[in-house]
Amino acid sequence: MDPAVLSNSEIYPLLILPFLIFVARVLDVSLDTIRIIFISKGFRYIATVVGFFEVIIWLLAIGQFLQHMTNVLYYIAYAGGFAVGTFVGIYIENKLSLGVVVVQVITNREASDLVDFLKSSSYIVTSVDAEGLRGDVKLIYIIIDRKDIGEVAGIVKKFHPNAFYSIENVGFVSERIFRHKKSWYKEHHLDVSRFRKQIFPLKSQFKNNVFDIFRSGRKGR
């Protein structure tokens, strides 16, 4: 259908335009939520780019809305897009799992098994003795990437099901901490390196033996 004919039809102001305003608001508010999260996590350059597109989409949405303020459908589309956009932005942020958090674990049991397991899993762990409401407790701090929250929470529940733990966002860390996981490439590279170390001496020995046989044959002549 011709866009000019569609814009002049009765369906356009009643259905299509409110839907477009709704979609524009969803995109606009989603980008706004993500931009604020990027700023709080220190991704200022990405936040700048996101803000640029956010304002363009907002201008398109608000322009159409101001031209049709007499129809209640546009109010519903505008407000509905704002609500859904907030939810979508938070959902995307949770999927991205940006930033660093500190997991604080408090247990009244001996926690050396938990601490040793976390260290063996390449987590940076600090444990201190403390005094709680009902006696001595062990206080454990673990600074991790947000994407590792589920794994760490599962480890804590496995070793200390009744332990109390809390998770807090970290605004700044003086040194970036990464887990030292072996990637497939590193493991494969190490295997190849070991194979070469085993093969090269045999290869050299084979060359020397061939050379000795060749030299002995020449002397026999």
C-alpha atoms as a PDB file:
ATOM      1  CA  MET A   1       0.000   0.000   0.000  1.00  0.00           C
ATOM      2  CA  ASP A   2       1.143   3.526  -0.815  1.00  0.00           C
ATOM      3  CA  PRO A   3       2.445   5.281   2.359  1.00  0.00           C
ATOM      4  CA  ALA A   4       0.663   8.495   1.360  1.00  0.00           C
ATOM      5  CA  VAL A   5      -2.669   6.687   1.058  1.00  0.00           C
ATOM      6  CA  LEU A   6      -2.059   4.861   4.353  1.00  0.00           C
ATOM      7  CA  SER A   7      -1.315   8.093   6.235  1.00  0.00           C
ATOM      8  CA  ASN A   8      -4.591   9.600   4.995  1.00  0.00           C
ATOM      9  CA  SER A   9      -6.700   6.573   5.904  1.00  0.00           C
ATOM     10  CA  GLU A  10      -8.796   6.274   9.077  1.00  0.00           C
ATOM     11  CA  ILE A  11      -6.679   3.379  10.389  1.00  0.00           C
ATOM     12  CA  TYR A  12      -3.515   5.470  10.602  1.00  0.00           C
ATOM     13  CA  PRO A  13      -4.532   7.943  13.367  1.00  0.00           C
ATOM     14  CA  LEU A  14      -6.505   5.327  15.316  1.00  0.00           C
ATOM     15  CA  LEU A  15      -4.111   2.343  15.291  1.00  0.00           C
ATOM     16  CA  ILE A  16      -0.849   2.797  13.421  1.00  0.00           C
ATOM     17  CA  LEU A  17       0.237   6.153  14.851  1.00  0.00           C
ATOM     18  CA  PRO A  18      -0.497   5.215  18.489  1.00  0.00           C
ATOM     19  CA  PHE A  19       1.425   1.985  17.953  1.00  0.00           C
ATOM     20  CA  LEU A  20       4.388   3.905  16.518  1.00  0.00           C
ATOM     21  CA  ILE A  21       4.347   6.290  19.503  1.00  0.00           C
ATOM     22  CA  PHE A  22       4.228   3.283  21.837  1.00  0.00           C
ATOM     23  CA  VAL A  23       7.220   1.625  20.133  1.00  0.00           C
ATOM     24  CA  ALA A  24       9.178   4.891  20.083  1.00  0.00           C
ATOM     25  CA  ARG A  25       8.610   5.372  23.817  1.00  0.00           C
ATOM     26  CA  VAL A  26       9.673   1.799  24.547  1.00  0.00           C
ATOM     27  CA  LEU A  27      12.924   2.350  22.652  1.00  0.00           C
ATOM     28  CA  ASP A  28      13.449   5.815  24.146  1.00  0.00           C
ATOM     29  CA  VAL A  29      12.936   4.807  27.784  1.00  0.00           C
ATOM     30  CA  SER A  30      14.884   1.561  27.348  1.00  0.00           C
ATOM     31  CA  LEU A  31      17.858   3.523  26.037  1.00  0.00           C
ATOM     32  CA  ASP A  32      17.461   6.049  28.857  1.00  0.00           C
ATOM     33  CA  THR A  33      17.552   3.283  31.487  1.00  0.00           C
ATOM     34  CA  ILE A  34      20.572   1.665  29.868  1.00  0.00           C
ATOM     35  CA  ARG A  35      22.317   5.040  29.552  1.00  0.00           C
ATOM     36  CA  ILE A  36      21.906   5.764  33.275  1.00  0.00           C
ATOM     37  CA  ILE A  37      23.248   2.310  34.107  1.00  0.00           C
ATOM     38  CA  PHE A  38      26.221   2.833  31.782  1.00  0.00           C
ATOM     39  CA  ILE A  39      26.978   6.133  33.535  1.00  0.00           C
ATOM     40  CA  SER A  40      26.827   4.522  36.978  1.00  0.00           C
ATOM     41  CA  LYS A  41      29.180   1.751  35.798  1.00  0.00           C
ATOM     42  CA  GLY A  42      31.685   4.184  34.294  1.00  0.00           C
ATOM     43  CA  PHE A  43      30.985   3.511  30.575  1.00  0.00           C
ATOM     44  CA  ARG A  44      30.767   7.209  29.722  1.00  0.00           C
ATOM     45  CA  TYR A  45      31.593   6.949  25.995  1.00  0.00           C
ATOM     46  CA  ILE A  46      28.960   4.284  25.378  1.00  0.00           C
ATOM     47  CA  ALA A  47      26.492   6.315  27.464  1.00  0.00           C
ATOM     48  CA  THR A  48      27.131   9.341  25.223  1.00  0.00           C
ATOM     49  CA  VAL A  49      26.310   7.400  22.052  1.00  0.00           C
ATOM     50  CA  VAL A  50      23.212   5.859  23.619  1.00  0.00           C
ATOM     51  CA  GLY A  51      22.050   9.317  24.757  1.00  0.00           C
ATOM     52  CA  PHE A  52      22.345  10.669  21.210  1.00  0.00           C
ATOM     53  CA  PHE A  53      19.974   8.069  19.752  1.00  0.00           C
ATOM     54  CA  GLU A  54      17.713   8.294  22.801  1.00  0.00           C
ATOM     55  CA  VAL A  55      17.038  12.000  22.247  1.00  0.00           C
ATOM     56  CA  ILE A  56      16.346  11.535  18.519  1.00  0.00           C
ATOM     57  CA  ILE A  57      13.749   8.853  19.217  1.00  0.00           C
ATOM     58  CA  TRP A  58      12.213  10.954  22.007  1.00  0.00           C
ATOM     59  CA  LEU A  59      11.840  13.964  19.713  1.00  0.00           C
ATOM     60  CA  LEU A  60      10.031  11.820  17.130  1.00  0.00           C
ATOM     61  CA  ALA A  61       7.674  10.417  19.770  1.00  0.00           C
ATOM     62  CA  ILE A  62       6.921  13.692  21.545  1.00  0.00           C
ATOM     63  CA  GLY A  63       6.406  15.479  18.212  1.00  0.00           C
ATOM     64  CA  GLN A  64       3.656  13.084  17.145  1.00  0.00           C
ATOM     65  CA  PHE A  65       2.130  13.101  20.616  1.00  0.00           C
ATOM     66  CA  LEU A  66       1.841  16.907  20.784  1.00  0.00           C
ATOM     67  CA  GLN A  67       0.101  16.962  17.425  1.00  0.00           C
ATOM     68  CA  HIS A  68      -2.630  14.564  18.597  1.00  0.00           C
ATOM     69  CA  MET A  69      -3.263  15.497  22.222  1.00  0.00           C
ATOM     70  CA  THR A  70      -7.038  15.399  21.784  1.00  0.00           C
ATOM     71  CA  ASN A  71      -7.154  11.598  21.415  1.00  0.00           C
ATOM     72  CA  VAL A  72      -6.976   9.473  24.571  1.00  0.00           C
ATOM     73  CA  LEU A  73      -5.299   6.632  22.624  1.00  0.00           C
ATOM     74  CA  TYR A  74      -2.138   8.706  22.312  1.00  0.00           C
ATOM     75  CA  TYR A  75      -1.996   9.253  26.068  1.00  0.00           C
ATOM     76  CA  ILE A  76      -2.316   5.512  26.648  1.00  0.00           C
ATOM     77  CA  ALA A  77       0.297   4.740  23.987  1.00  0.00           C
ATOM     78  CA  TYR A  78       2.713   7.322  25.397  1.00  0.00           C
ATOM     79  CA  ALA A  79       2.329   6.221  29.023  1.00  0.00           C
ATOM     80  CA  GLY A  80       2.287   2.516  28.129  1.00  0.00           C
ATOM     81  CA  GLY A  81       5.485   2.886  26.138  1.00  0.00           C
ATOM     82  CA  PHE A  82       7.140   4.554  29.129  1.00  0.00           C
ATOM     83  CA  ALA A  83       6.141   1.716  31.483  1.00  0.00           C
ATOM     84  CA  VAL A  84       7.155  -1.077  29.109  1.00  0.00           C
ATOM     85  CA  GLY A  85      10.385   0.729  28.207  1.00  0.00           C
ATOM     86  CA  THR A  86      11.412   0.850  31.871  1.00  0.00           C
ATOM     87  CA  PHE A  87      10.867  -2.893  32.196  1.00  0.00           C
ATOM     88  CA  VAL A  88      12.722  -3.641  28.957  1.00  0.00           C
ATOM     89  CA  GLY A  89      15.676  -1.455  29.978  1.00  0.00           C
ATOM     90  CA  ILE A  90      16.032  -3.208  33.341  1.00  0.00           C
ATOM     91  CA  TYR A  91      15.724  -6.607  31.636  1.00  0.00           C
ATOM     92  CA  ILE A  92      18.476  -5.757  29.163  1.00  0.00           C
ATOM     93  CA  GLU A  93      20.712  -4.466  31.959  1.00  0.00           C
ATOM     94  CA  ASN A  94      20.258  -7.714  33.891  1.00  0.00           C
ATOM     95  CA  LYS A  95      21.182  -9.700  30.819  1.00  0.00           C
ATOM     96  CA  LEU A  96      24.287  -7.591  30.224  1.00  0.00           C
ATOM     97  CA  SER A  97      25.373  -8.087  33.875  1.00  0.00           C
ATOM     98  CA  LEU A  98      27.648  -5.063  33.885  1.00  0.00           C
ATOM     99  CA  GLY A  99      29.772  -3.926  36.782  1.00  0.00           C
ATOM    100  CA  VAL A 100      31.333  -5.345  39.918  1.00  0.00           C
ATOM    101  CA  VAL A 101      29.641  -6.395  43.157  1.00  0.00           C
ATOM    102  CA  VAL A 102      30.822  -7.478  46.588  1.00  0.00           C
ATOM    103  CA  VAL A 103      29.289 -10.548  48.180  1.00  0.00           C
ATOM    104  CA  GLN A 104      29.395 -10.476  51.991  1.00  0.00           C
ATOM    105  CA  VAL A 105      28.881 -13.817  53.712  1.00  0.00           C
ATOM    106  CA  ILE A 106      28.301 -14.194  57.465  1.00  0.00           C
ATOM    107  CA  THR A 107      28.358 -17.652  59.020  1.00  0.00           C
ATOM    108  CA  ASN A 108      28.733 -18.958  62.560  1.00  0.00           C
ATOM    109  CA  ARG A 109      30.494 -22.107  61.358  1.00  0.00           C
ATOM    110  CA  GLU A 110      34.082 -22.744  60.369  1.00  0.00           C
ATOM    111  CA  ALA A 111      34.381 -21.472  56.787  1.00  0.00           C
ATOM    112  CA  SER A 112      37.831 -22.688  55.737  1.00  0.00           C
ATOM    113  CA  ASP A 113      36.269 -25.212  53.345  1.00  0.00           C
ATOM    114  CA  LEU A 114      34.256 -22.472  51.623  1.00  0.00           C
ATOM    115  CA  VAL A 115      37.208 -20.085  51.470  1.00  0.00           C
ATOM    116  CA  ASP A 116      39.542 -22.759  50.076  1.00  0.00           C
ATOM    117  CA  PHE A 117      37.016 -23.767  47.419  1.00  0.00           C
ATOM    118  CA  LEU A 118      36.478 -20.159  46.321  1.00  0.00           C
ATOM    119  CA  LYS A 119      40.223 -19.622  46.092  1.00  0.00           C
ATOM    120  CA  SER A 120      40.658 -22.826  44.091  1.00  0.00           C
ATOM    121  CA  SER A 121      37.957 -21.484  41.736  1.00  0.00           C
ATOM    122  CA  SER A 122      40.103 -18.336  41.196  1.00  0.00           C
ATOM    123  CA  TYR A 123      37.892 -15.972  43.209  1.00  0.00           C
ATOM    124  CA  ILE A 124      39.506 -13.222  45.263  1.00  0.00           C
ATOM    125  CA  VAL A 125      38.420 -13.867  48.856  1.00  0.00           C
ATOM    126  CA  THR A 126      39.022 -12.050  52.154  1.00  0.00           C
ATOM    127  CA  SER A 127      37.879 -13.630  55.418  1.00  0.00           C
ATOM    128  CA  VAL A 128      38.005 -12.090  58.901  1.00  0.00           C
ATOM    129  CA  ASP A 129      36.850 -13.098  62.355  1.00  0.00           C
ATOM    130  CA  ALA A 130      34.017 -11.003  63.765  1.00  0.00           C
ATOM    131  CA  GLU A 131      31.510 -10.970  66.579  1.00  0.00           C
ATOM    132  CA  GLY A 132      27.802 -11.222  65.904  1.00  0.00           C
ATOM    133  CA  LEU A 133      24.634 -11.069  67.963  1.00  0.00           C
ATOM    134  CA  ARG A 134      24.968 -14.692  69.066  1.00  0.00           C
ATOM    135  CA  GLY A 135      28.716 -15.062  69.317  1.00  0.00           C
ATOM    136  CA  ASP A 136      31.726 -15.358  67.043  1.00  0.00           C
ATOM    137  CA  VAL A 137      31.157 -15.435  63.301  1.00  0.00           C
ATOM    138  CA  LYS A 138      33.234 -15.609  60.149  1.00  0.00           C
ATOM    139  CA  LEU A 139      32.925 -12.679  57.740  1.00  0.00           C
ATOM    140  CA  ILE A 140      33.825 -13.360  54.096  1.00  0.00           C
ATOM    141  CA  TYR A 141      34.129 -10.747  51.343  1.00  0.00           C
ATOM    142  CA  ILE A 142      34.146 -11.752  47.677  1.00  0.00           C
ATOM    143  CA  ILE A 143      34.496  -9.122  44.938  1.00  0.00           C
ATOM    144  CA  ILE A 144      33.214 -10.493  41.638  1.00  0.00           C
ATOM    145  CA  ASP A 145      31.724  -9.519  38.301  1.00  0.00           C
ATOM    146  CA  ARG A 146      27.933  -9.378  38.332  1.00  0.00           C
ATOM    147  CA  LYS A 147      27.717 -12.247  35.871  1.00  0.00           C
ATOM    148  CA  ASP A 148      29.233 -14.552  38.516  1.00  0.00           C
ATOM    149  CA  ILE A 149      26.593 -13.843  41.195  1.00  0.00           C
ATOM    150  CA  GLY A 150      24.598 -16.988  40.499  1.00  0.00           C
ATOM    151  CA  GLU A 151      27.650 -19.228  40.624  1.00  0.00           C
ATOM    152  CA  VAL A 152      28.988 -17.731  43.855  1.00  0.00           C
ATOM    153  CA  ALA A 153      25.572 -17.838  45.546  1.00  0.00           C
ATOM    154  CA  GLY A 154      25.292 -21.495  44.631  1.00  0.00           C
ATOM    155  CA  ILE A 155      28.729 -22.231  46.138  1.00  0.00           C
ATOM    156  CA  VAL A 156      27.813 -20.449  49.382  1.00  0.00           C
ATOM    157  CA  LYS A 157      24.529 -22.369  49.686  1.00  0.00           C
ATOM    158  CA  LYS A 158      26.322 -25.642  48.979  1.00  0.00           C
ATOM    159  CA  PHE A 159      28.864 -25.258  51.808  1.00  0.00           C
ATOM    160  CA  HIS A 160      26.796 -23.182  54.243  1.00  0.00           C
ATOM    161  CA  PRO A 161      23.040 -23.468  53.503  1.00  0.00           C
ATOM    162  CA  ASN A 162      22.093 -21.366  56.548  1.00  0.00           C
ATOM    163  CA  ALA A 163      24.669 -18.626  56.030  1.00  0.00           C
ATOM    164  CA  PHE A 164      23.524 -15.032  55.648  1.00  0.00           C
ATOM    165  CA  TYR A 165      24.848 -13.238  52.573  1.00  0.00           C
ATOM    166  CA  SER A 166      24.235  -9.880  50.932  1.00  0.00           C
ATOM    167  CA  ILE A 167      25.229  -8.406  47.574  1.00  0.00           C
ATOM    168  CA  GLU A 168      26.142  -4.759  47.052  1.00  0.00           C
ATOM    169  CA  ASN A 169      27.136  -2.798  43.971  1.00  0.00           C
ATOM    170  CA  VAL A 170      30.705  -1.493  43.838  1.00  0.00           C
ATOM    171  CA  GLY A 171      31.081   1.948  42.323  1.00  0.00           C
ATOM    172  CA  PHE A 172      34.858   1.872  41.960  1.00  0.00           C
ATOM    173  CA  VAL A 173      37.697  -0.632  42.310  1.00  0.00           C
ATOM    174  CA  SER A 174      41.350   0.415  42.424  1.00  0.00           C
ATOM    175  CA  GLU A 175      42.407  -2.649  40.460  1.00  0.00           C
ATOM    176  CA  ARG A 176      40.389  -4.690  37.989  1.00  0.00           C
ATOM    177  CA  ILE A 177      40.085  -8.310  39.118  1.00  0.00           C
ATOM    178  CA  PHE A 178      39.542 -11.084  36.623  1.00  0.00           C
ATOM    179  CA  ARG A 179      39.089 -14.743  37.251  1.00  0.00           C
ATOM    180  CA  HIS A 180      41.922 -16.788  35.784  1.00  0.00           C
ATOM    181  CA  LYS A 181      39.936 -19.304  33.849  1.00  0.00           C
ATOM    182  CA  LYS A 182      41.697 -21.399  31.240  1.00  0.00           C
ATOM    183  CA  SER A 183      40.135 -20.871  27.876  1.00  0.00           C
ATOM    184  CA  TRP A 184      39.906 -23.638  25.285  1.00  0.00           C
ATOM    185  CA  TYR A 185      42.638 -21.921  23.297  1.00  0.00           C
ATOM    186  CA  LYS A 186      45.001 -21.798  26.270  1.00  0.00           C
ATOM    187  CA  GLU A 187      44.362 -25.430  27.177  1.00  0.00           C
ATOM    188  CA  HIS A 188      44.816 -26.463  23.561  1.00  0.00           C
ATOM    189  CA  HIS A 189      47.952 -24.344  23.278  1.00  0.00           C
ATOM    190  CA  LEU A 190      49.412 -25.920  26.419  1.00  0.00           C
ATOM    191  CA  ASP A 191      48.682 -29.401  25.091  1.00  0.00           C
ATOM    192  CA  VAL A 192      50.384 -28.571  21.817  1.00  0.00           C
ATOM    193  CA  SER A 193      53.374 -27.122  23.678  1.00  0.00           C
ATOM    194  CA  ARG A 194      53.748 -30.279  25.749  1.00  0.00           C
ATOM    195  CA  PHE A 195      53.508 -32.376  22.597  1.00  0.00           C
ATOM    196  CA  ARG A 196      56.231 -30.308  20.915  1.00  0.00           C
ATOM    197  CA  LYS A 197      58.505 -30.616  23.928  1.00  0.00           C
ATOM    198  CA  GLN A 198      58.130 -34.388  23.772  1.00  0.00           C
ATOM    199  CA  ILE A 199      58.517 -34.629  19.993  1.00  0.00           C
ATOM    200  CA  PHE A 200      61.447 -32.243  19.416  1.00  0.00           C
ATOM    201  CA  PRO A 201      64.008 -34.302  21.415  1.00  0.00           C
ATOM    202  CA  LEU A 202      62.922 -37.442  19.558  1.00  0.00           C
ATOM    203  CA  LYS A 203      63.181 -35.591  16.265  1.00  0.00           C
ATOM    204  CA  SER A 204      66.680 -34.378  17.063  1.00  0.00           C
ATOM    205  CA  GLN A 205      67.725 -37.847  18.168  1.00  0.00           C
ATOM    206  CA  PHE A 206      66.354 -39.323  14.940  1.00  0.00           C
ATOM    207  CA  LYS A 207      68.322 -36.795  12.855  1.00  0.00           C
ATOM    208  CA  ASN A 208      71.520 -37.610  14.737  1.00  0.00           C
ATOM    209  CA  ASN A 209      71.031 -41.344  14.212  1.00  0.00           C
ATOM    210  CA  VAL A 210      70.420 -40.883  10.502  1.00  0.00           C
ATOM    211  CA  PHE A 211      73.479 -38.672  10.235  1.00  0.00           C
ATOM    212  CA  ASP A 212      75.638 -41.282  12.061  1.00  0.00           C
ATOM    213  CA  ILE A 213      74.432 -44.046   9.756  1.00  0.00           C
ATOM    214  CA  PHE A 214      75.124 -41.916   6.686  1.00  0.00           C
ATOM    215  CA  ARG A 215      78.580 -40.997   7.943  1.00  0.00           C
ATOM    216  CA  SER A 216      79.381 -44.638   8.768  1.00  0.00           C
ATOM    217  CA  GLY A 217      78.336 -45.642   5.263  1.00  0.00           C
ATOM    218  CA  ARG A 218      80.654 -43.101   3.687  1.00  0.00           C
ATOM    219  CA  LYS A 219      83.563 -44.277   5.805  1.00  0.00           C
ATOM    220  CA  GLY A 220      82.883 -47.897   4.754  1.00  0.00           C
ATOM    221  CA  ARG A 221      83.314 -46.895   1.169  1.00  0.00           C
END
